[in-house]
Amino acid sequence: MDDRKDRFEAVYKQTYEHILGYAVRRCESPEDAADVVAETFAIAWRRFDALPAGGEARLWLYGVARNVLANHRRGLARHRHAELDHDVADLYAHSPESSVELSAIARAFHELPESDRELISLLAWEGLDPGEIAKVLGCSRNAVRIRVHRARKRLSKALAGAGVSMSRLVMESA
């Protein structure tokens, strides 16, 4: 039991900030994010034998957090997305020159299907590469590459419709 507890505590300490950041960027309130993180680690403790060793644990926990968040969202009376704030500016090589552009970017992002927003968020906010995203989503690396390509095309189209140039967008190549 002590080895199990020690290993869990080590994984918790190594991954807590990552999972908290993931939840905060996707929840409407800090309280909701705290609930998602708590449930994620409760599940990790209950399913300890399924928890991978090493760096794979973080990716596994992202997948658990993703499912917890999906359950959390389904439980809300109405489904609203948190407004993008200045985090979206991190997607740009240069800061947007006006709040009008930032607002247009947020609207374009929120017009995307949930699956596209999740892919772009895992890539841009979490800094995961396609192989890591594949593990989080439970699909192949090639499927992630195809989905990211399509999501980028849809984002580009939405941004163009909002009058924002995609050439300014900085997303690492998948």
N, C-alpha and C. Protein backbone atom coordinates (compact mmCIF):
# COMPACT_ATOMS: atom_id res chain seq x y z
N MET A 1 0.82 -1.20 0.00
CA MET A 1 0.00 0.00 0.00
C MET A 1 0.86 1.25 0.00
N ASP A 2 1.97 1.24 0.74
CA ASP A 2 2.82 2.43 0.79
C ASP A 2 3.45 2.72 -0.56
N ASP A 3 3.86 1.67 -1.31
CA ASP A 3 4.42 1.90 -2.64
C ASP A 3 3.38 2.52 -3.56
N ARG A 4 2.18 2.02 -3.46
CA ARG A 4 1.08 2.53 -4.28
C ARG A 4 0.82 4.00 -3.94
N LYS A 5 0.75 4.31 -2.65
CA LYS A 5 0.52 5.68 -2.20
C LYS A 5 1.67 6.59 -2.63
N ASP A 6 2.89 6.13 -2.47
CA ASP A 6 4.06 6.93 -2.84
C ASP A 6 4.08 7.21 -4.35
N ARG A 7 3.76 6.18 -5.14
CA ARG A 7 3.74 6.36 -6.60
C ARG A 7 2.64 7.33 -7.01
N PHE A 8 1.46 7.19 -6.38
CA PHE A 8 0.36 8.09 -6.70
C PHE A 8 0.73 9.53 -6.35
N GLU A 9 1.32 9.72 -5.17
CA GLU A 9 1.71 11.07 -4.76
C GLU A 9 2.74 11.65 -5.72
N ALA A 10 3.66 10.83 -6.20
CA ALA A 10 4.67 11.31 -7.15
C ALA A 10 4.01 11.73 -8.47
N VAL A 11 3.08 10.92 -8.96
CA VAL A 11 2.36 11.26 -10.19
C VAL A 11 1.55 12.54 -9.98
N TYR A 12 0.90 12.65 -8.84
CA TYR A 12 0.10 13.83 -8.52
C TYR A 12 0.97 15.08 -8.56
N LYS A 13 2.11 15.03 -7.89
CA LYS A 13 3.00 16.19 -7.84
C LYS A 13 3.54 16.56 -9.22
N GLN A 14 3.80 15.56 -10.05
CA GLN A 14 4.35 15.80 -11.39
C GLN A 14 3.31 16.31 -12.37
N THR A 15 2.05 16.00 -12.16
CA THR A 15 1.03 16.29 -13.17
C THR A 15 -0.04 17.28 -12.73
N TYR A 16 -0.10 17.60 -11.46
CA TYR A 16 -1.19 18.44 -10.95
C TYR A 16 -1.31 19.76 -11.71
N GLU A 17 -0.22 20.48 -11.88
CA GLU A 17 -0.26 21.79 -12.56
C GLU A 17 -0.75 21.65 -14.00
N HIS A 18 -0.32 20.59 -14.68
CA HIS A 18 -0.75 20.37 -16.07
C HIS A 18 -2.26 20.14 -16.14
N ILE A 19 -2.75 19.28 -15.26
CA ILE A 19 -4.18 18.94 -15.28
C ILE A 19 -5.01 20.14 -14.82
N LEU A 20 -4.52 20.88 -13.84
CA LEU A 20 -5.22 22.07 -13.40
C LEU A 20 -5.30 23.10 -14.54
N GLY A 21 -4.19 23.32 -15.24
CA GLY A 21 -4.19 24.26 -16.37
C GLY A 21 -5.17 23.83 -17.44
N TYR A 22 -5.18 22.54 -17.73
CA TYR A 22 -6.11 21.98 -18.72
C TYR A 22 -7.55 22.31 -18.31
N ALA A 23 -7.88 22.06 -17.05
CA ALA A 23 -9.25 22.27 -16.57
C ALA A 23 -9.61 23.75 -16.52
N VAL A 24 -8.70 24.58 -16.05
CA VAL A 24 -8.97 26.02 -15.93
C VAL A 24 -9.28 26.62 -17.29
N ARG A 25 -8.54 26.20 -18.31
CA ARG A 25 -8.76 26.76 -19.64
C ARG A 25 -10.06 26.28 -20.28
N ARG A 26 -10.70 25.30 -19.70
CA ARG A 26 -11.91 24.75 -20.30
C ARG A 26 -13.17 24.92 -19.44
N CYS A 27 -13.00 25.39 -18.23
CA CYS A 27 -14.14 25.55 -17.33
C CYS A 27 -14.53 27.01 -17.20
N GLU A 28 -15.79 27.22 -16.86
CA GLU A 28 -16.32 28.57 -16.72
C GLU A 28 -15.92 29.23 -15.42
N SER A 29 -15.55 28.46 -14.43
CA SER A 29 -15.17 29.05 -13.15
C SER A 29 -14.04 28.24 -12.53
N PRO A 30 -13.28 28.88 -11.63
CA PRO A 30 -12.22 28.15 -10.92
C PRO A 30 -12.78 26.98 -10.10
N GLU A 31 -13.98 27.15 -9.60
CA GLU A 31 -14.60 26.08 -8.81
C GLU A 31 -14.88 24.86 -9.67
N ASP A 32 -15.39 25.10 -10.88
CA ASP A 32 -15.63 23.99 -11.81
C ASP A 32 -14.32 23.29 -12.15
N ALA A 33 -13.27 24.08 -12.39
CA ALA A 33 -11.96 23.50 -12.71
C ALA A 33 -11.45 22.65 -11.55
N ALA A 34 -11.62 23.15 -10.33
CA ALA A 34 -11.19 22.40 -9.15
C ALA A 34 -11.95 21.08 -9.04
N ASP A 35 -13.24 21.12 -9.35
CA ASP A 35 -14.05 19.89 -9.32
C ASP A 35 -13.55 18.89 -10.36
N VAL A 36 -13.25 19.37 -11.55
CA VAL A 36 -12.76 18.49 -12.62
C VAL A 36 -11.43 17.86 -12.22
N VAL A 37 -10.55 18.66 -11.66
CA VAL A 37 -9.23 18.14 -11.24
C VAL A 37 -9.40 17.12 -10.12
N ALA A 38 -10.22 17.45 -9.15
CA ALA A 38 -10.44 16.52 -8.03
C ALA A 38 -11.00 15.19 -8.51
N GLU A 39 -11.99 15.25 -9.39
CA GLU A 39 -12.58 14.02 -9.92
C GLU A 39 -11.57 13.25 -10.76
N THR A 40 -10.74 13.96 -11.51
CA THR A 40 -9.72 13.30 -12.33
C THR A 40 -8.77 12.49 -11.47
N PHE A 41 -8.30 13.09 -10.39
CA PHE A 41 -7.36 12.37 -9.52
C PHE A 41 -8.06 11.30 -8.67
N ALA A 42 -9.34 11.49 -8.37
CA ALA A 42 -10.09 10.45 -7.67
C ALA A 42 -10.21 9.21 -8.56
N ILE A 43 -10.48 9.44 -9.83
CA ILE A 43 -10.56 8.34 -10.79
C ILE A 43 -9.20 7.68 -10.94
N ALA A 44 -8.15 8.50 -10.99
CA ALA A 44 -6.80 7.94 -11.11
C ALA A 44 -6.48 7.04 -9.92
N TRP A 45 -6.91 7.43 -8.72
CA TRP A 45 -6.67 6.60 -7.54
C TRP A 45 -7.47 5.31 -7.62
N ARG A 46 -8.76 5.43 -8.02
CA ARG A 46 -9.59 4.23 -8.12
C ARG A 46 -9.09 3.28 -9.20
N ARG A 47 -8.55 3.84 -10.28
CA ARG A 47 -8.07 3.03 -11.40
C ARG A 47 -6.54 2.98 -11.41
N PHE A 48 -5.95 2.99 -10.24
CA PHE A 48 -4.50 3.07 -10.09
C PHE A 48 -3.77 2.04 -10.93
N ASP A 49 -4.31 0.84 -11.02
CA ASP A 49 -3.63 -0.22 -11.78
C ASP A 49 -3.58 0.09 -13.27
N ALA A 50 -4.45 0.96 -13.75
CA ALA A 50 -4.45 1.34 -15.17
C ALA A 50 -3.54 2.55 -15.43
N LEU A 51 -3.09 3.22 -14.37
CA LEU A 51 -2.26 4.42 -14.49
C LEU A 51 -0.88 4.05 -15.05
N PRO A 52 -0.55 4.55 -16.23
CA PRO A 52 0.75 4.22 -16.82
C PRO A 52 1.91 4.83 -16.02
N ALA A 53 3.07 4.30 -16.23
CA ALA A 53 4.27 4.80 -15.55
C ALA A 53 4.88 5.95 -16.34
N GLY A 54 5.69 6.74 -15.67
CA GLY A 54 6.46 7.79 -16.32
C GLY A 54 5.62 8.87 -16.95
N GLY A 55 6.12 9.41 -18.06
CA GLY A 55 5.48 10.51 -18.76
C GLY A 55 4.13 10.15 -19.36
N GLU A 56 3.88 8.86 -19.53
CA GLU A 56 2.59 8.43 -20.08
C GLU A 56 1.45 8.74 -19.11
N ALA A 57 1.76 8.87 -17.83
CA ALA A 57 0.72 9.14 -16.83
C ALA A 57 0.05 10.49 -17.12
N ARG A 58 0.81 11.50 -17.50
CA ARG A 58 0.24 12.82 -17.78
C ARG A 58 -0.75 12.73 -18.94
N LEU A 59 -0.38 12.01 -19.99
CA LEU A 59 -1.26 11.88 -21.15
C LEU A 59 -2.53 11.11 -20.77
N TRP A 60 -2.37 10.07 -19.97
CA TRP A 60 -3.52 9.29 -19.51
C TRP A 60 -4.45 10.18 -18.70
N LEU A 61 -3.86 11.00 -17.83
CA LEU A 61 -4.67 11.91 -16.99
C LEU A 61 -5.37 12.97 -17.83
N TYR A 62 -4.73 13.44 -18.91
CA TYR A 62 -5.43 14.36 -19.82
C TYR A 62 -6.68 13.68 -20.38
N GLY A 63 -6.54 12.43 -20.75
CA GLY A 63 -7.70 11.69 -21.28
C GLY A 63 -8.79 11.54 -20.23
N VAL A 64 -8.41 11.25 -18.99
CA VAL A 64 -9.39 11.14 -17.91
C VAL A 64 -10.04 12.50 -17.67
N ALA A 65 -9.23 13.55 -17.62
CA ALA A 65 -9.77 14.90 -17.40
C ALA A 65 -10.71 15.30 -18.53
N ARG A 66 -10.38 14.92 -19.72
CA ARG A 66 -11.24 15.21 -20.88
C ARG A 66 -12.62 14.57 -20.70
N ASN A 67 -12.62 13.32 -20.25
CA ASN A 67 -13.89 12.62 -20.03
C ASN A 67 -14.66 13.21 -18.84
N VAL A 68 -13.95 13.56 -17.78
CA VAL A 68 -14.59 14.18 -16.62
C VAL A 68 -15.22 15.51 -17.03
N LEU A 69 -14.49 16.27 -17.81
CA LEU A 69 -15.00 17.56 -18.27
C LEU A 69 -16.23 17.38 -19.15
N ALA A 70 -16.21 16.38 -20.02
CA ALA A 70 -17.37 16.10 -20.86
C ALA A 70 -18.58 15.76 -20.00
N ASN A 71 -18.38 14.95 -18.97
CA ASN A 71 -19.48 14.61 -18.06
C ASN A 71 -19.96 15.85 -17.30
N HIS A 72 -19.03 16.68 -16.90
CA HIS A 72 -19.37 17.92 -16.20
C HIS A 72 -20.24 18.81 -17.09
N ARG A 73 -19.84 18.95 -18.33
CA ARG A 73 -20.59 19.80 -19.26
C ARG A 73 -21.98 19.26 -19.53
N ARG A 74 -22.09 17.95 -19.64
CA ARG A 74 -23.41 17.36 -19.88
C ARG A 74 -24.33 17.62 -18.70
N GLY A 75 -23.77 17.75 -17.51
CA GLY A 75 -24.57 17.96 -16.31
C GLY A 75 -25.04 19.39 -16.13
N LEU A 76 -24.48 20.32 -16.85
CA LEU A 76 -24.90 21.72 -16.73
C LEU A 76 -26.26 21.92 -17.38
N ALA A 77 -27.05 22.82 -16.81
CA ALA A 77 -28.38 23.09 -17.35
C ALA A 77 -28.30 23.57 -18.79
N ARG A 78 -27.40 24.45 -19.08
CA ARG A 78 -27.19 24.83 -20.47
C ARG A 78 -25.70 24.90 -20.71
N HIS A 79 -25.36 24.53 -21.92
CA HIS A 79 -23.96 24.39 -22.28
C HIS A 79 -23.45 25.70 -22.88
N ARG A 80 -22.55 26.37 -22.12
CA ARG A 80 -21.93 27.59 -22.63
C ARG A 80 -20.43 27.41 -22.54
N HIS A 81 -19.74 27.99 -23.45
CA HIS A 81 -18.28 27.94 -23.44
C HIS A 81 -17.74 29.18 -22.76
N ALA A 82 -16.67 28.98 -22.02
CA ALA A 82 -16.02 30.12 -21.39
C ALA A 82 -15.50 31.06 -22.47
N GLU A 83 -15.60 32.36 -22.23
CA GLU A 83 -15.10 33.32 -23.21
C GLU A 83 -13.59 33.21 -23.28
N LEU A 84 -13.07 33.30 -24.48
CA LEU A 84 -11.62 33.35 -24.63
C LEU A 84 -11.14 34.71 -24.15
N ASP A 85 -10.05 34.72 -23.45
CA ASP A 85 -9.49 35.99 -23.02
C ASP A 85 -8.14 36.17 -23.69
N HIS A 86 -7.25 36.75 -23.03
CA HIS A 86 -5.97 37.05 -23.68
C HIS A 86 -5.13 35.81 -23.96
N ASP A 87 -5.56 34.62 -23.48
CA ASP A 87 -4.85 33.39 -23.83
C ASP A 87 -4.80 33.19 -25.33
N VAL A 88 -5.88 33.61 -26.02
CA VAL A 88 -5.90 33.41 -27.47
C VAL A 88 -4.80 34.23 -28.14
N ALA A 89 -4.35 35.29 -27.49
CA ALA A 89 -3.27 36.10 -28.06
C ALA A 89 -1.99 35.28 -28.18
N ASP A 90 -1.85 34.24 -27.35
CA ASP A 90 -0.68 33.36 -27.44
C ASP A 90 -0.63 32.63 -28.77
N LEU A 91 -1.74 32.56 -29.47
CA LEU A 91 -1.78 31.89 -30.76
C LEU A 91 -1.21 32.78 -31.87
N TYR A 92 -0.93 34.01 -31.56
CA TYR A 92 -0.48 34.97 -32.56
C TYR A 92 0.98 35.31 -32.41
N ALA A 93 1.63 35.54 -33.55
CA ALA A 93 3.02 35.96 -33.54
C ALA A 93 3.13 37.35 -32.94
N HIS A 94 2.13 38.18 -33.16
CA HIS A 94 2.08 39.53 -32.62
C HIS A 94 0.74 39.69 -31.93
N SER A 95 0.72 40.50 -30.89
CA SER A 95 -0.54 40.73 -30.20
C SER A 95 -1.54 41.38 -31.13
N PRO A 96 -2.80 41.01 -31.02
CA PRO A 96 -3.81 41.67 -31.85
C PRO A 96 -3.78 43.17 -31.56
N GLU A 97 -4.04 43.93 -32.58
CA GLU A 97 -3.93 45.37 -32.46
C GLU A 97 -5.17 46.01 -31.85
N SER A 98 -6.23 45.27 -31.75
CA SER A 98 -7.43 45.86 -31.17
C SER A 98 -8.28 44.79 -30.51
N SER A 99 -9.13 45.25 -29.59
CA SER A 99 -10.03 44.30 -28.93
C SER A 99 -11.08 43.79 -29.92
N VAL A 100 -11.32 44.55 -30.98
CA VAL A 100 -12.26 44.12 -32.01
C VAL A 100 -11.75 42.85 -32.67
N GLU A 101 -10.43 42.81 -32.99
CA GLU A 101 -9.85 41.62 -33.60
C GLU A 101 -9.88 40.44 -32.62
N LEU A 102 -9.57 40.69 -31.37
CA LEU A 102 -9.60 39.62 -30.37
C LEU A 102 -11.01 39.06 -30.24
N SER A 103 -11.98 39.93 -30.25
CA SER A 103 -13.38 39.49 -30.19
C SER A 103 -13.75 38.66 -31.42
N ALA A 104 -13.28 39.07 -32.59
CA ALA A 104 -13.56 38.32 -33.82
C ALA A 104 -12.91 36.95 -33.76
N ILE A 105 -11.72 36.87 -33.20
CA ILE A 105 -11.01 35.60 -33.08
C ILE A 105 -11.78 34.68 -32.13
N ALA A 106 -12.22 35.23 -31.01
CA ALA A 106 -12.97 34.42 -30.04
C ALA A 106 -14.25 33.88 -30.67
N ARG A 107 -14.98 34.74 -31.42
CA ARG A 107 -16.20 34.28 -32.07
C ARG A 107 -15.89 33.19 -33.08
N ALA A 108 -14.84 33.38 -33.89
CA ALA A 108 -14.47 32.38 -34.90
C ALA A 108 -14.12 31.05 -34.23
N PHE A 109 -13.37 31.13 -33.15
CA PHE A 109 -12.97 29.92 -32.42
C PHE A 109 -14.20 29.20 -31.88
N HIS A 110 -15.13 29.96 -31.29
CA HIS A 110 -16.32 29.34 -30.70
C HIS A 110 -17.30 28.83 -31.73
N GLU A 111 -17.19 29.28 -32.96
CA GLU A 111 -18.05 28.77 -34.04
C GLU A 111 -17.59 27.39 -34.52
N LEU A 112 -16.36 27.03 -34.20
CA LEU A 112 -15.84 25.73 -34.61
C LEU A 112 -16.55 24.62 -33.84
N PRO A 113 -16.62 23.43 -34.42
CA PRO A 113 -17.15 22.29 -33.67
C PRO A 113 -16.29 22.03 -32.43
N GLU A 114 -16.89 21.50 -31.39
CA GLU A 114 -16.20 21.19 -30.14
C GLU A 114 -14.93 20.37 -30.38
N SER A 115 -15.00 19.40 -31.29
CA SER A 115 -13.83 18.55 -31.54
C SER A 115 -12.67 19.36 -32.13
N ASP A 116 -12.96 20.34 -32.97
CA ASP A 116 -11.91 21.20 -33.52
C ASP A 116 -11.31 22.08 -32.44
N ARG A 117 -12.16 22.65 -31.58
CA ARG A 117 -11.65 23.49 -30.49
C ARG A 117 -10.74 22.68 -29.58
N GLU A 118 -11.14 21.44 -29.30
CA GLU A 118 -10.33 20.60 -28.41
C GLU A 118 -8.97 20.31 -29.04
N LEU A 119 -8.95 19.95 -30.32
CA LEU A 119 -7.68 19.67 -31.00
C LEU A 119 -6.76 20.89 -30.97
N ILE A 120 -7.30 22.04 -31.35
CA ILE A 120 -6.49 23.26 -31.40
C ILE A 120 -6.01 23.63 -30.00
N SER A 121 -6.86 23.43 -29.00
CA SER A 121 -6.47 23.73 -27.62
C SER A 121 -5.37 22.80 -27.13
N LEU A 122 -5.49 21.51 -27.42
CA LEU A 122 -4.45 20.56 -27.01
C LEU A 122 -3.12 20.90 -27.67
N LEU A 123 -3.18 21.33 -28.90
CA LEU A 123 -1.98 21.69 -29.65
C LEU A 123 -1.39 23.00 -29.16
N ALA A 124 -2.22 24.04 -29.08
CA ALA A 124 -1.72 25.38 -28.77
C ALA A 124 -1.58 25.65 -27.28
N TRP A 125 -2.60 25.33 -26.49
CA TRP A 125 -2.55 25.64 -25.07
C TRP A 125 -1.77 24.63 -24.27
N GLU A 126 -1.99 23.34 -24.53
CA GLU A 126 -1.31 22.30 -23.76
C GLU A 126 0.07 21.99 -24.31
N GLY A 127 0.33 22.40 -25.55
CA GLY A 127 1.65 22.17 -26.14
C GLY A 127 1.94 20.72 -26.46
N LEU A 128 0.88 19.94 -26.70
CA LEU A 128 1.07 18.53 -27.00
C LEU A 128 1.39 18.34 -28.48
N ASP A 129 2.19 17.33 -28.78
CA ASP A 129 2.45 17.01 -30.18
C ASP A 129 1.41 16.00 -30.66
N PRO A 130 1.33 15.76 -31.96
CA PRO A 130 0.28 14.85 -32.47
C PRO A 130 0.30 13.46 -31.84
N GLY A 131 1.47 12.94 -31.53
CA GLY A 131 1.53 11.63 -30.88
C GLY A 131 0.91 11.66 -29.50
N GLU A 132 1.17 12.72 -28.76
CA GLU A 132 0.60 12.86 -27.43
C GLU A 132 -0.92 13.09 -27.51
N ILE A 133 -1.33 13.90 -28.47
CA ILE A 133 -2.77 14.14 -28.66
C ILE A 133 -3.47 12.82 -29.00
N ALA A 134 -2.83 12.00 -29.81
CA ALA A 134 -3.41 10.71 -30.18
C ALA A 134 -3.67 9.86 -28.93
N LYS A 135 -2.73 9.88 -27.99
CA LYS A 135 -2.91 9.12 -26.76
C LYS A 135 -4.03 9.69 -25.91
N VAL A 136 -4.14 11.03 -25.85
CA VAL A 136 -5.21 11.66 -25.07
C VAL A 136 -6.57 11.32 -25.66
N LEU A 137 -6.67 11.37 -26.99
CA LEU A 137 -7.95 11.14 -27.66
C LEU A 137 -8.23 9.67 -27.94
N GLY A 138 -7.23 8.81 -27.78
CA GLY A 138 -7.42 7.39 -28.03
C GLY A 138 -7.57 7.06 -29.49
N CYS A 139 -6.76 7.70 -30.33
CA CYS A 139 -6.80 7.43 -31.76
C CYS A 139 -5.36 7.39 -32.29
N SER A 140 -5.20 7.17 -33.57
CA SER A 140 -3.86 7.08 -34.15
C SER A 140 -3.27 8.47 -34.38
N ARG A 141 -1.95 8.52 -34.45
CA ARG A 141 -1.25 9.77 -34.74
C ARG A 141 -1.69 10.30 -36.11
N ASN A 142 -1.85 9.41 -37.08
CA ASN A 142 -2.27 9.82 -38.41
C ASN A 142 -3.67 10.44 -38.38
N ALA A 143 -4.56 9.86 -37.60
CA ALA A 143 -5.90 10.42 -37.46
C ALA A 143 -5.82 11.83 -36.88
N VAL A 144 -4.93 12.03 -35.91
CA VAL A 144 -4.76 13.36 -35.32
C VAL A 144 -4.25 14.34 -36.37
N ARG A 145 -3.27 13.94 -37.16
CA ARG A 145 -2.74 14.82 -38.20
C ARG A 145 -3.84 15.25 -39.17
N ILE A 146 -4.66 14.32 -39.57
CA ILE A 146 -5.76 14.62 -40.51
C ILE A 146 -6.77 15.56 -39.84
N ARG A 147 -7.13 15.25 -38.59
CA ARG A 147 -8.11 16.08 -37.88
C ARG A 147 -7.59 17.49 -37.63
N VAL A 148 -6.30 17.59 -37.28
CA VAL A 148 -5.71 18.92 -37.06
C VAL A 148 -5.70 19.71 -38.36
N HIS A 149 -5.34 19.05 -39.45
CA HIS A 149 -5.33 19.73 -40.76
C HIS A 149 -6.72 20.27 -41.07
N ARG A 150 -7.74 19.45 -40.88
CA ARG A 150 -9.12 19.88 -41.16
C ARG A 150 -9.57 20.98 -40.20
N ALA A 151 -9.19 20.85 -38.93
CA ALA A 151 -9.56 21.88 -37.94
C ALA A 151 -8.92 23.21 -38.29
N ARG A 152 -7.68 23.17 -38.72
CA ARG A 152 -6.99 24.41 -39.12
C ARG A 152 -7.68 25.04 -40.33
N LYS A 153 -8.09 24.21 -41.27
CA LYS A 153 -8.78 24.74 -42.44
C LYS A 153 -10.09 25.42 -42.04
N ARG A 154 -10.82 24.77 -41.13
CA ARG A 154 -12.09 25.35 -40.68
C ARG A 154 -11.84 26.64 -39.88
N LEU A 155 -10.79 26.65 -39.06
CA LEU A 155 -10.45 27.85 -38.31
C LEU A 155 -10.04 28.98 -39.27
N SER A 156 -9.25 28.64 -40.25
CA SER A 156 -8.83 29.63 -41.24
C SER A 156 -10.03 30.24 -41.94
N LYS A 157 -10.98 29.39 -42.32
CA LYS A 157 -12.19 29.86 -43.01
C LYS A 157 -13.01 30.76 -42.08
N ALA A 158 -13.15 30.35 -40.81
CA ALA A 158 -13.90 31.15 -39.84
C ALA A 158 -13.22 32.49 -39.59
N LEU A 159 -11.89 32.48 -39.50
CA LEU A 159 -11.16 33.73 -39.29
C LEU A 159 -11.26 34.64 -40.50
N ALA A 160 -11.16 34.06 -41.69
CA ALA A 160 -11.29 34.86 -42.91
C ALA A 160 -12.67 35.51 -42.96
N GLY A 161 -13.69 34.75 -42.56
CA GLY A 161 -15.03 35.30 -42.52
C GLY A 161 -15.17 36.43 -41.51
N ALA A 162 -14.30 36.41 -40.48
CA ALA A 162 -14.32 37.45 -39.46
C ALA A 162 -13.34 38.58 -39.81
N GLY A 163 -12.67 38.44 -40.96
CA GLY A 163 -11.72 39.48 -41.38
C GLY A 163 -10.37 39.42 -40.70
N VAL A 164 -9.99 38.24 -40.18
CA VAL A 164 -8.70 38.06 -39.52
C VAL A 164 -7.85 37.14 -40.38
N SER A 165 -6.61 37.52 -40.62
CA SER A 165 -5.71 36.74 -41.46
C SER A 165 -5.13 35.55 -40.72
N MET A 166 -5.26 34.36 -41.29
CA MET A 166 -4.71 33.14 -40.70
C MET A 166 -3.19 33.16 -40.73
N SER A 167 -2.59 33.95 -41.62
CA SER A 167 -1.13 33.96 -41.72
C SER A 167 -0.47 34.46 -40.44
N ARG A 168 -1.24 35.17 -39.63
CA ARG A 168 -0.71 35.65 -38.35
C ARG A 168 -0.77 34.59 -37.26
N LEU A 169 -1.57 33.58 -37.50
CA LEU A 169 -1.77 32.54 -36.49
C LEU A 169 -0.53 31.67 -36.38
N VAL A 170 -0.11 31.43 -35.17
CA VAL A 170 1.07 30.61 -34.93
C VAL A 170 0.63 29.34 -34.24
N MET A 171 0.65 28.23 -34.99
CA MET A 171 0.38 26.92 -34.41
C MET A 171 1.48 26.00 -34.93
N GLU A 172 2.04 25.24 -34.04
CA GLU A 172 3.09 24.34 -34.47
C GLU A 172 2.56 23.35 -35.46
N SER A 173 3.37 23.01 -36.40
CA SER A 173 2.97 22.07 -37.43
C SER A 173 2.82 20.68 -36.85
N ALA A 174 1.75 20.05 -37.25
CA ALA A 174 1.50 18.67 -36.79
C ALA A 174 2.12 17.69 -37.75
